[in-house]
């Protein structure tokens, strides 16, 4: 957590990386005996992501629907919102 905001970068477009991660983790959960209806997807807005990454995630939220699971967007108290709006933290 101390360094996750230091130059976060991704090999592929952020939405693609998150969707790949979700696919892999959903499979692992189901294989471990966790029922799909017990899963919720959280793209981790603000965690190890730049302002641009966060905006791309918000714009691409509907792409996460492909997994057929609810999506949680924990956007409260996120400093990037103030930065985008040019407001103090």
N, C-alpha and C. Protein backbone atom coordinates (compact mmCIF):
# COMPACT_ATOMS: atom_id res chain seq x y z
N UNK A 1 0.80 -1.22 0.00
CA UNK A 1 0.00 0.00 0.00
C UNK A 1 0.84 1.28 0.00
N UNK A 2 2.01 1.22 0.61
CA UNK A 2 2.83 2.43 0.71
C UNK A 2 3.28 2.91 -0.66
N UNK A 3 3.55 2.00 -1.58
CA UNK A 3 4.10 2.40 -2.88
C UNK A 3 3.18 2.16 -4.06
N UNK A 4 1.95 1.72 -3.84
CA UNK A 4 1.08 1.35 -4.96
C UNK A 4 0.72 2.51 -5.88
N UNK A 5 0.84 3.74 -5.39
CA UNK A 5 0.52 4.89 -6.23
C UNK A 5 1.77 5.47 -6.91
N UNK A 6 2.93 4.89 -6.68
CA UNK A 6 4.15 5.36 -7.31
C UNK A 6 4.26 4.80 -8.73
N UNK A 7 3.96 5.61 -9.71
CA UNK A 7 4.06 5.23 -11.13
C UNK A 7 3.34 3.93 -11.48
N UNK A 8 2.05 3.84 -11.17
CA UNK A 8 1.33 2.61 -11.55
C UNK A 8 1.28 2.49 -13.08
N UNK A 9 1.55 1.30 -13.57
CA UNK A 9 1.49 1.06 -15.01
C UNK A 9 0.95 -0.34 -15.26
N UNK A 10 0.40 -0.51 -16.44
CA UNK A 10 -0.19 -1.78 -16.82
C UNK A 10 0.33 -2.15 -18.20
N UNK A 11 0.50 -3.44 -18.46
CA UNK A 11 1.02 -3.91 -19.74
C UNK A 11 0.01 -3.70 -20.85
N UNK A 12 -1.25 -3.93 -20.55
CA UNK A 12 -2.31 -3.80 -21.54
C UNK A 12 -3.27 -2.71 -21.08
N UNK A 13 -4.21 -2.31 -21.93
CA UNK A 13 -5.20 -1.33 -21.47
C UNK A 13 -5.83 -1.79 -20.15
N UNK A 14 -6.02 -0.86 -19.26
CA UNK A 14 -6.47 -1.17 -17.89
C UNK A 14 -7.75 -2.01 -17.87
N UNK A 15 -8.70 -1.71 -18.73
CA UNK A 15 -9.96 -2.46 -18.77
C UNK A 15 -9.68 -3.92 -19.14
N UNK A 16 -8.82 -4.13 -20.13
CA UNK A 16 -8.48 -5.51 -20.54
C UNK A 16 -7.81 -6.26 -19.39
N UNK A 17 -6.89 -5.61 -18.70
CA UNK A 17 -6.20 -6.27 -17.59
C UNK A 17 -7.17 -6.64 -16.47
N UNK A 18 -8.07 -5.74 -16.16
CA UNK A 18 -9.03 -6.01 -15.09
C UNK A 18 -9.97 -7.14 -15.49
N UNK A 19 -10.45 -7.12 -16.74
CA UNK A 19 -11.34 -8.19 -17.20
C UNK A 19 -10.64 -9.54 -17.21
N UNK A 20 -9.38 -9.58 -17.59
CA UNK A 20 -8.61 -10.82 -17.56
C UNK A 20 -8.47 -11.29 -16.11
N UNK A 21 -8.13 -10.37 -15.21
CA UNK A 21 -8.02 -10.70 -13.80
C UNK A 21 -9.34 -11.26 -13.26
N UNK A 22 -10.46 -10.59 -13.57
CA UNK A 22 -11.77 -11.06 -13.11
C UNK A 22 -12.04 -12.47 -13.62
N UNK A 23 -11.79 -12.69 -14.90
CA UNK A 23 -12.04 -14.02 -15.49
C UNK A 23 -11.25 -15.09 -14.74
N UNK A 24 -9.96 -14.83 -14.51
CA UNK A 24 -9.11 -15.80 -13.82
C UNK A 24 -9.57 -16.03 -12.38
N UNK A 25 -9.91 -14.97 -11.67
CA UNK A 25 -10.30 -15.11 -10.28
C UNK A 25 -11.67 -15.76 -10.14
N UNK A 26 -12.59 -15.46 -11.06
CA UNK A 26 -13.91 -16.11 -11.03
C UNK A 26 -13.73 -17.61 -11.20
N UNK A 27 -12.93 -18.00 -12.19
CA UNK A 27 -12.67 -19.43 -12.41
C UNK A 27 -12.07 -20.08 -11.17
N UNK A 28 -11.09 -19.41 -10.55
CA UNK A 28 -10.45 -19.96 -9.35
C UNK A 28 -11.45 -20.09 -8.21
N UNK A 29 -12.31 -19.11 -8.05
CA UNK A 29 -13.31 -19.17 -6.98
C UNK A 29 -14.27 -20.33 -7.20
N UNK A 30 -14.78 -20.45 -8.42
CA UNK A 30 -15.73 -21.52 -8.73
C UNK A 30 -15.06 -22.88 -8.54
N UNK A 31 -13.82 -22.99 -8.99
CA UNK A 31 -13.07 -24.24 -8.84
C UNK A 31 -12.86 -24.58 -7.35
N UNK A 32 -12.75 -23.56 -6.53
CA UNK A 32 -12.56 -23.77 -5.08
C UNK A 32 -13.87 -24.03 -4.36
N UNK A 33 -14.98 -24.03 -5.10
CA UNK A 33 -16.27 -24.35 -4.50
C UNK A 33 -17.10 -23.15 -4.08
N UNK A 34 -16.68 -21.95 -4.45
CA UNK A 34 -17.46 -20.75 -4.14
C UNK A 34 -18.50 -20.56 -5.25
N UNK A 35 -19.74 -20.45 -4.86
CA UNK A 35 -20.80 -20.26 -5.86
C UNK A 35 -20.71 -18.89 -6.49
N UNK A 36 -20.98 -18.80 -7.79
CA UNK A 36 -20.92 -17.53 -8.53
C UNK A 36 -21.82 -16.47 -7.91
N UNK A 37 -22.97 -16.88 -7.41
CA UNK A 37 -23.91 -15.89 -6.86
C UNK A 37 -23.40 -15.28 -5.54
N UNK A 38 -22.25 -15.71 -5.07
CA UNK A 38 -21.63 -15.15 -3.87
C UNK A 38 -20.52 -14.15 -4.21
N UNK A 39 -20.31 -13.92 -5.51
CA UNK A 39 -19.20 -13.07 -5.96
C UNK A 39 -19.68 -11.69 -6.37
N UNK A 40 -18.86 -10.69 -6.10
CA UNK A 40 -19.07 -9.31 -6.54
C UNK A 40 -17.74 -8.83 -7.08
N UNK A 41 -17.76 -8.14 -8.21
CA UNK A 41 -16.53 -7.66 -8.83
C UNK A 41 -16.25 -6.21 -8.43
N UNK A 42 -15.02 -5.95 -8.04
CA UNK A 42 -14.60 -4.59 -7.67
C UNK A 42 -13.35 -4.26 -8.48
N UNK A 43 -13.45 -3.31 -9.43
CA UNK A 43 -12.29 -2.96 -10.26
C UNK A 43 -11.20 -2.20 -9.51
N UNK A 44 -11.41 -1.91 -8.24
CA UNK A 44 -10.37 -1.30 -7.42
C UNK A 44 -10.04 0.12 -7.78
N UNK A 45 -11.05 0.92 -7.99
CA UNK A 45 -10.82 2.31 -8.36
C UNK A 45 -9.93 2.97 -7.30
N UNK A 46 -8.91 3.67 -7.74
CA UNK A 46 -8.03 4.41 -6.85
C UNK A 46 -6.87 3.61 -6.30
N UNK A 47 -6.90 2.31 -6.37
CA UNK A 47 -5.84 1.49 -5.80
C UNK A 47 -4.82 1.11 -6.88
N UNK A 48 -3.65 1.72 -6.83
CA UNK A 48 -2.61 1.43 -7.80
C UNK A 48 -2.98 1.89 -9.20
N UNK A 49 -3.70 3.00 -9.27
CA UNK A 49 -4.15 3.50 -10.56
C UNK A 49 -3.97 5.01 -10.64
N UNK A 50 -3.71 5.49 -11.84
CA UNK A 50 -3.60 6.92 -12.07
C UNK A 50 -5.00 7.51 -12.24
N UNK A 51 -5.06 8.83 -12.28
CA UNK A 51 -6.35 9.49 -12.56
C UNK A 51 -6.91 8.97 -13.88
N UNK A 52 -6.04 8.89 -14.89
CA UNK A 52 -6.47 8.42 -16.21
C UNK A 52 -7.02 7.00 -16.13
N UNK A 53 -6.35 6.12 -15.39
CA UNK A 53 -6.85 4.75 -15.22
C UNK A 53 -8.24 4.76 -14.60
N UNK A 54 -8.42 5.55 -13.54
CA UNK A 54 -9.71 5.61 -12.85
C UNK A 54 -10.82 6.08 -13.79
N UNK A 55 -10.52 7.08 -14.60
CA UNK A 55 -11.53 7.59 -15.55
C UNK A 55 -11.83 6.54 -16.62
N UNK A 56 -10.83 5.81 -17.06
CA UNK A 56 -11.06 4.74 -18.03
C UNK A 56 -11.94 3.64 -17.44
N UNK A 57 -11.71 3.32 -16.18
CA UNK A 57 -12.54 2.30 -15.52
C UNK A 57 -13.99 2.77 -15.43
N UNK A 58 -14.20 4.00 -15.02
CA UNK A 58 -15.57 4.53 -14.92
C UNK A 58 -16.23 4.52 -16.29
N UNK A 59 -15.51 4.97 -17.31
CA UNK A 59 -16.08 4.98 -18.66
C UNK A 59 -16.38 3.57 -19.16
N UNK A 60 -15.57 2.61 -18.75
CA UNK A 60 -15.73 1.24 -19.25
C UNK A 60 -16.44 0.29 -18.30
N UNK A 61 -17.15 0.83 -17.31
CA UNK A 61 -17.83 -0.04 -16.33
C UNK A 61 -18.69 -1.11 -16.98
N UNK A 62 -19.36 -0.78 -18.05
CA UNK A 62 -20.28 -1.75 -18.68
C UNK A 62 -19.54 -2.97 -19.23
N UNK A 63 -18.24 -2.86 -19.49
CA UNK A 63 -17.51 -4.03 -20.01
C UNK A 63 -17.42 -5.13 -18.96
N UNK A 64 -17.54 -4.77 -17.69
CA UNK A 64 -17.46 -5.78 -16.64
C UNK A 64 -18.73 -6.62 -16.56
N UNK A 65 -19.79 -6.18 -17.22
CA UNK A 65 -21.05 -6.93 -17.24
C UNK A 65 -20.89 -8.28 -17.93
N UNK A 66 -19.87 -8.43 -18.76
CA UNK A 66 -19.66 -9.68 -19.49
C UNK A 66 -19.50 -10.88 -18.55
N UNK A 67 -19.16 -10.63 -17.29
CA UNK A 67 -18.95 -11.71 -16.34
C UNK A 67 -20.25 -12.15 -15.67
N UNK A 68 -21.32 -11.37 -15.87
CA UNK A 68 -22.62 -11.75 -15.31
C UNK A 68 -22.69 -11.66 -13.79
N UNK A 69 -21.90 -10.76 -13.21
CA UNK A 69 -21.88 -10.59 -11.76
C UNK A 69 -22.07 -9.12 -11.41
N UNK A 70 -22.53 -8.83 -10.19
CA UNK A 70 -22.66 -7.43 -9.78
C UNK A 70 -21.27 -6.77 -9.72
N UNK A 71 -21.24 -5.47 -9.98
CA UNK A 71 -20.00 -4.70 -9.94
C UNK A 71 -20.12 -3.66 -8.83
N UNK A 72 -19.12 -3.62 -7.98
CA UNK A 72 -19.05 -2.67 -6.88
C UNK A 72 -18.06 -1.58 -7.27
N UNK A 73 -18.47 -0.33 -7.15
CA UNK A 73 -17.57 0.78 -7.44
C UNK A 73 -17.44 1.62 -6.16
N UNK A 74 -16.39 1.39 -5.42
CA UNK A 74 -16.16 2.10 -4.16
C UNK A 74 -15.47 3.43 -4.43
N UNK A 75 -16.24 4.43 -4.81
CA UNK A 75 -15.65 5.72 -5.22
C UNK A 75 -15.69 6.78 -4.14
N UNK A 76 -16.16 6.46 -2.95
CA UNK A 76 -16.22 7.49 -1.91
C UNK A 76 -14.82 7.82 -1.41
N UNK A 77 -14.64 9.06 -1.04
CA UNK A 77 -13.39 9.55 -0.46
C UNK A 77 -12.17 9.31 -1.36
N UNK A 78 -12.35 9.40 -2.65
CA UNK A 78 -11.25 9.20 -3.58
C UNK A 78 -10.68 10.54 -3.99
N UNK A 79 -9.40 10.70 -3.79
CA UNK A 79 -8.75 11.99 -4.08
C UNK A 79 -8.77 12.35 -5.55
N UNK A 80 -8.82 11.35 -6.44
CA UNK A 80 -8.82 11.66 -7.87
C UNK A 80 -10.05 12.46 -8.28
N UNK A 81 -11.17 12.31 -7.57
CA UNK A 81 -12.38 13.05 -7.91
C UNK A 81 -12.14 14.54 -7.72
N UNK A 82 -11.54 14.91 -6.61
CA UNK A 82 -11.20 16.32 -6.37
C UNK A 82 -10.20 16.85 -7.39
N UNK A 83 -9.25 16.01 -7.76
CA UNK A 83 -8.26 16.42 -8.75
C UNK A 83 -8.91 16.69 -10.12
N UNK A 84 -9.81 15.79 -10.52
CA UNK A 84 -10.51 15.97 -11.79
C UNK A 84 -11.34 17.24 -11.79
N UNK A 85 -11.97 17.54 -10.63
CA UNK A 85 -12.83 18.71 -10.51
C UNK A 85 -12.06 19.97 -10.09
N UNK A 86 -10.73 19.81 -9.95
CA UNK A 86 -9.87 20.91 -9.53
C UNK A 86 -10.32 21.48 -8.18
N UNK A 87 -10.61 20.58 -7.26
CA UNK A 87 -11.07 20.95 -5.92
C UNK A 87 -10.04 20.46 -4.89
N UNK A 88 -9.98 21.12 -3.75
CA UNK A 88 -9.05 20.65 -2.70
C UNK A 88 -9.48 19.27 -2.19
N UNK A 89 -8.52 18.52 -1.64
CA UNK A 89 -8.85 17.16 -1.13
C UNK A 89 -9.87 17.23 0.00
